[in-house]
């Protein structure tokens, strides 16, 4: 594998945040507006990465429950991490 393969796979938290995280923060709110999911819904964020979409759901959608699942460790956030509102 190339020397920068960890960055390509998202195993480098800083590189992942620079490449994906900044964009997901910018579009998460618009995406949730477009989804128009009713309040008190249950959410599952598969491939939650840096948690930007999960945070947006917590702040914008009044979920009954939300779970974020991601198998890769990025920037100190890995499997089993929890966010609380």
N, C-alpha and C. Protein backbone atom coordinates (compact mmCIF):
# COMPACT_ATOMS: atom_id res chain seq x y z
N UNK A 1 0.84 -1.19 0.00
CA UNK A 1 0.00 0.00 0.00
C UNK A 1 0.87 1.25 0.00
N UNK A 2 0.39 2.31 -0.62
CA UNK A 2 1.16 3.55 -0.61
C UNK A 2 1.34 4.09 0.80
N UNK A 3 2.36 4.91 0.99
CA UNK A 3 2.65 5.47 2.31
C UNK A 3 1.49 6.28 2.86
N UNK A 4 0.70 6.90 1.99
CA UNK A 4 -0.42 7.72 2.47
C UNK A 4 -1.73 6.96 2.50
N UNK A 5 -1.68 5.63 2.49
CA UNK A 5 -2.92 4.84 2.46
C UNK A 5 -3.78 5.05 3.69
N UNK A 6 -3.16 5.31 4.86
CA UNK A 6 -3.97 5.56 6.05
C UNK A 6 -4.85 6.78 5.86
N UNK A 7 -4.35 7.78 5.19
CA UNK A 7 -5.16 8.97 4.94
C UNK A 7 -6.29 8.65 3.98
N UNK A 8 -6.01 7.84 2.97
CA UNK A 8 -7.04 7.47 2.00
C UNK A 8 -8.14 6.65 2.67
N UNK A 9 -7.80 5.83 3.65
CA UNK A 9 -8.77 4.98 4.32
C UNK A 9 -9.46 5.68 5.48
N UNK A 10 -9.02 6.88 5.82
CA UNK A 10 -9.66 7.61 6.91
C UNK A 10 -9.14 7.25 8.27
N UNK A 11 -7.98 6.60 8.36
CA UNK A 11 -7.44 6.23 9.65
C UNK A 11 -6.66 7.36 10.31
N UNK A 12 -6.41 8.42 9.61
CA UNK A 12 -5.72 9.59 10.13
C UNK A 12 -6.78 10.64 10.45
N UNK A 13 -7.07 10.83 11.75
CA UNK A 13 -8.16 11.70 12.16
C UNK A 13 -8.04 13.13 11.66
N UNK A 14 -6.82 13.68 11.70
CA UNK A 14 -6.64 15.06 11.24
C UNK A 14 -6.89 15.19 9.75
N UNK A 15 -6.37 14.25 8.97
CA UNK A 15 -6.57 14.28 7.51
C UNK A 15 -8.04 14.07 7.17
N UNK A 16 -8.70 13.16 7.88
CA UNK A 16 -10.12 12.90 7.65
C UNK A 16 -10.94 14.15 7.91
N UNK A 17 -10.65 14.82 9.02
CA UNK A 17 -11.40 16.04 9.37
C UNK A 17 -11.20 17.11 8.31
N UNK A 18 -9.96 17.28 7.83
CA UNK A 18 -9.71 18.27 6.79
C UNK A 18 -10.44 17.95 5.49
N UNK A 19 -10.49 16.67 5.14
CA UNK A 19 -11.06 16.27 3.86
C UNK A 19 -12.58 16.14 3.90
N UNK A 20 -13.11 15.53 4.95
CA UNK A 20 -14.54 15.23 5.02
C UNK A 20 -15.27 16.06 6.08
N UNK A 21 -14.68 16.16 7.24
CA UNK A 21 -15.35 16.78 8.38
C UNK A 21 -15.81 18.20 8.14
N UNK A 22 -14.95 19.00 7.53
CA UNK A 22 -15.34 20.40 7.33
C UNK A 22 -16.55 20.53 6.41
N UNK A 23 -16.66 19.65 5.43
CA UNK A 23 -17.80 19.69 4.51
C UNK A 23 -19.06 19.14 5.17
N UNK A 24 -18.92 18.07 5.95
CA UNK A 24 -20.11 17.52 6.59
C UNK A 24 -20.70 18.49 7.60
N UNK A 25 -19.86 19.28 8.27
CA UNK A 25 -20.39 20.31 9.18
C UNK A 25 -21.19 21.35 8.41
N UNK A 26 -20.73 21.70 7.22
CA UNK A 26 -21.41 22.74 6.43
C UNK A 26 -22.76 22.29 5.87
N UNK A 27 -22.88 21.02 5.51
CA UNK A 27 -24.11 20.56 4.84
C UNK A 27 -25.06 19.78 5.75
N UNK A 28 -24.64 19.44 6.95
CA UNK A 28 -25.47 18.59 7.82
C UNK A 28 -26.85 19.21 8.06
N UNK A 29 -26.90 20.48 8.39
CA UNK A 29 -28.18 21.14 8.67
C UNK A 29 -29.11 21.15 7.47
N UNK A 30 -28.56 21.43 6.30
CA UNK A 30 -29.38 21.43 5.08
C UNK A 30 -29.89 20.04 4.76
N UNK A 31 -29.02 19.06 4.96
CA UNK A 31 -29.41 17.66 4.73
C UNK A 31 -30.56 17.27 5.65
N UNK A 32 -30.48 17.66 6.91
CA UNK A 32 -31.55 17.31 7.86
C UNK A 32 -32.84 18.05 7.52
N UNK A 33 -32.75 19.29 7.07
CA UNK A 33 -33.95 20.01 6.62
C UNK A 33 -34.60 19.25 5.47
N UNK A 34 -33.78 18.78 4.53
CA UNK A 34 -34.29 18.05 3.36
C UNK A 34 -34.95 16.73 3.78
N UNK A 35 -34.36 16.04 4.77
CA UNK A 35 -34.94 14.77 5.23
C UNK A 35 -36.30 14.97 5.90
N UNK A 36 -36.44 16.06 6.64
CA UNK A 36 -37.70 16.40 7.32
C UNK A 36 -38.23 15.25 8.17
N UNK A 37 -37.37 14.68 8.99
CA UNK A 37 -37.77 13.59 9.88
C UNK A 37 -38.50 14.19 11.08
N UNK A 38 -39.64 13.61 11.47
CA UNK A 38 -40.40 14.15 12.60
C UNK A 38 -39.60 14.12 13.91
N UNK A 39 -39.88 15.08 14.79
CA UNK A 39 -39.27 15.09 16.13
C UNK A 39 -39.61 13.80 16.86
N UNK A 40 -38.80 13.47 17.83
CA UNK A 40 -38.97 12.27 18.66
C UNK A 40 -38.75 10.98 17.88
N UNK A 41 -38.08 11.06 16.74
CA UNK A 41 -37.74 9.86 15.98
C UNK A 41 -36.49 9.22 16.56
N UNK A 42 -36.29 7.97 16.22
CA UNK A 42 -35.06 7.26 16.58
C UNK A 42 -34.13 7.27 15.37
N UNK A 43 -32.84 7.56 15.59
CA UNK A 43 -31.87 7.72 14.52
C UNK A 43 -30.74 6.71 14.67
N UNK A 44 -30.22 6.27 13.53
CA UNK A 44 -29.01 5.46 13.48
C UNK A 44 -28.10 6.07 12.44
N UNK A 45 -26.95 6.55 12.86
CA UNK A 45 -25.96 7.16 11.97
C UNK A 45 -24.85 6.13 11.74
N UNK A 46 -24.92 5.42 10.63
CA UNK A 46 -23.94 4.39 10.30
C UNK A 46 -22.78 5.02 9.54
N UNK A 47 -21.57 4.77 10.02
CA UNK A 47 -20.40 5.42 9.44
C UNK A 47 -20.31 6.85 9.94
N UNK A 48 -20.51 7.04 11.23
CA UNK A 48 -20.67 8.38 11.80
C UNK A 48 -19.40 9.23 11.79
N UNK A 49 -18.26 8.63 11.56
CA UNK A 49 -17.02 9.40 11.40
C UNK A 49 -16.74 10.32 12.57
N UNK A 50 -16.61 11.60 12.29
CA UNK A 50 -16.29 12.58 13.33
C UNK A 50 -17.50 12.95 14.18
N UNK A 51 -18.67 12.48 13.83
CA UNK A 51 -19.88 12.75 14.61
C UNK A 51 -20.58 14.04 14.24
N UNK A 52 -20.19 14.66 13.14
CA UNK A 52 -20.80 15.93 12.76
C UNK A 52 -22.29 15.81 12.48
N UNK A 53 -22.71 14.78 11.77
CA UNK A 53 -24.14 14.61 11.50
C UNK A 53 -24.88 14.27 12.79
N UNK A 54 -24.29 13.44 13.62
CA UNK A 54 -24.91 13.08 14.90
C UNK A 54 -25.12 14.32 15.75
N UNK A 55 -24.12 15.18 15.82
CA UNK A 55 -24.25 16.43 16.59
C UNK A 55 -25.36 17.32 16.01
N UNK A 56 -25.44 17.38 14.69
CA UNK A 56 -26.48 18.20 14.06
C UNK A 56 -27.87 17.64 14.37
N UNK A 57 -28.03 16.33 14.35
CA UNK A 57 -29.32 15.72 14.70
C UNK A 57 -29.68 16.10 16.13
N UNK A 58 -28.72 16.00 17.05
CA UNK A 58 -28.99 16.35 18.45
C UNK A 58 -29.41 17.80 18.61
N UNK A 59 -28.78 18.70 17.88
CA UNK A 59 -29.08 20.12 18.06
C UNK A 59 -30.29 20.60 17.27
N UNK A 60 -30.67 19.87 16.23
CA UNK A 60 -31.68 20.38 15.31
C UNK A 60 -32.97 19.56 15.26
N UNK A 61 -32.94 18.29 15.64
CA UNK A 61 -34.06 17.40 15.33
C UNK A 61 -34.83 16.86 16.52
N UNK A 62 -34.44 17.16 17.74
CA UNK A 62 -35.13 16.67 18.93
C UNK A 62 -35.38 15.16 18.85
N UNK A 63 -34.31 14.35 18.71
CA UNK A 63 -34.50 12.90 18.57
C UNK A 63 -34.89 12.25 19.90
N UNK A 64 -35.65 11.17 19.81
CA UNK A 64 -35.93 10.36 20.99
C UNK A 64 -34.67 9.58 21.37
N UNK A 65 -33.92 9.19 20.35
CA UNK A 65 -32.69 8.42 20.56
C UNK A 65 -31.84 8.54 19.30
N UNK A 66 -30.54 8.55 19.48
CA UNK A 66 -29.64 8.52 18.33
C UNK A 66 -28.42 7.67 18.68
N UNK A 67 -28.03 6.85 17.73
CA UNK A 67 -26.83 6.03 17.88
C UNK A 67 -25.96 6.23 16.65
N UNK A 68 -24.68 6.48 16.91
CA UNK A 68 -23.71 6.60 15.83
C UNK A 68 -22.76 5.43 15.88
N UNK A 69 -22.56 4.79 14.74
CA UNK A 69 -21.69 3.62 14.66
C UNK A 69 -20.61 3.87 13.61
N UNK A 70 -19.36 3.66 14.00
CA UNK A 70 -18.25 3.78 13.06
C UNK A 70 -17.16 2.81 13.48
N UNK A 71 -16.68 2.02 12.55
CA UNK A 71 -15.67 1.01 12.86
C UNK A 71 -14.25 1.52 12.86
N UNK A 72 -14.02 2.71 12.30
CA UNK A 72 -12.67 3.25 12.24
C UNK A 72 -12.43 4.24 13.37
N UNK A 73 -11.22 4.27 13.85
CA UNK A 73 -10.84 5.21 14.91
C UNK A 73 -10.29 6.47 14.24
N UNK A 74 -10.90 7.60 14.53
CA UNK A 74 -10.47 8.87 13.93
C UNK A 74 -10.38 9.93 15.01
N UNK A 75 -9.25 10.55 15.12
CA UNK A 75 -9.11 11.71 16.01
C UNK A 75 -9.52 11.44 17.45
N UNK A 76 -9.28 10.23 17.94
CA UNK A 76 -9.61 9.90 19.31
C UNK A 76 -11.05 9.47 19.52
N UNK A 77 -11.86 9.47 18.47
CA UNK A 77 -13.24 9.01 18.57
C UNK A 77 -13.33 7.69 17.83
N UNK A 78 -13.65 6.66 18.55
CA UNK A 78 -13.69 5.34 17.92
C UNK A 78 -14.94 4.58 18.35
N UNK A 79 -14.98 3.29 18.04
CA UNK A 79 -16.14 2.47 18.40
C UNK A 79 -16.45 2.59 19.88
N UNK A 80 -17.70 2.76 20.18
CA UNK A 80 -18.15 2.85 21.56
C UNK A 80 -18.21 4.27 22.11
N UNK A 81 -17.73 5.27 21.36
CA UNK A 81 -17.80 6.66 21.83
C UNK A 81 -19.24 7.11 21.92
N UNK A 82 -19.53 7.97 22.87
CA UNK A 82 -20.89 8.44 23.06
C UNK A 82 -20.93 9.96 23.09
N UNK A 83 -21.96 10.51 22.49
CA UNK A 83 -22.22 11.95 22.56
C UNK A 83 -23.48 12.16 23.37
N UNK A 84 -23.50 13.18 24.16
CA UNK A 84 -24.68 13.48 24.97
C UNK A 84 -25.09 14.93 24.73
N UNK A 85 -26.40 15.15 24.65
CA UNK A 85 -26.88 16.52 24.45
C UNK A 85 -26.95 17.25 25.77
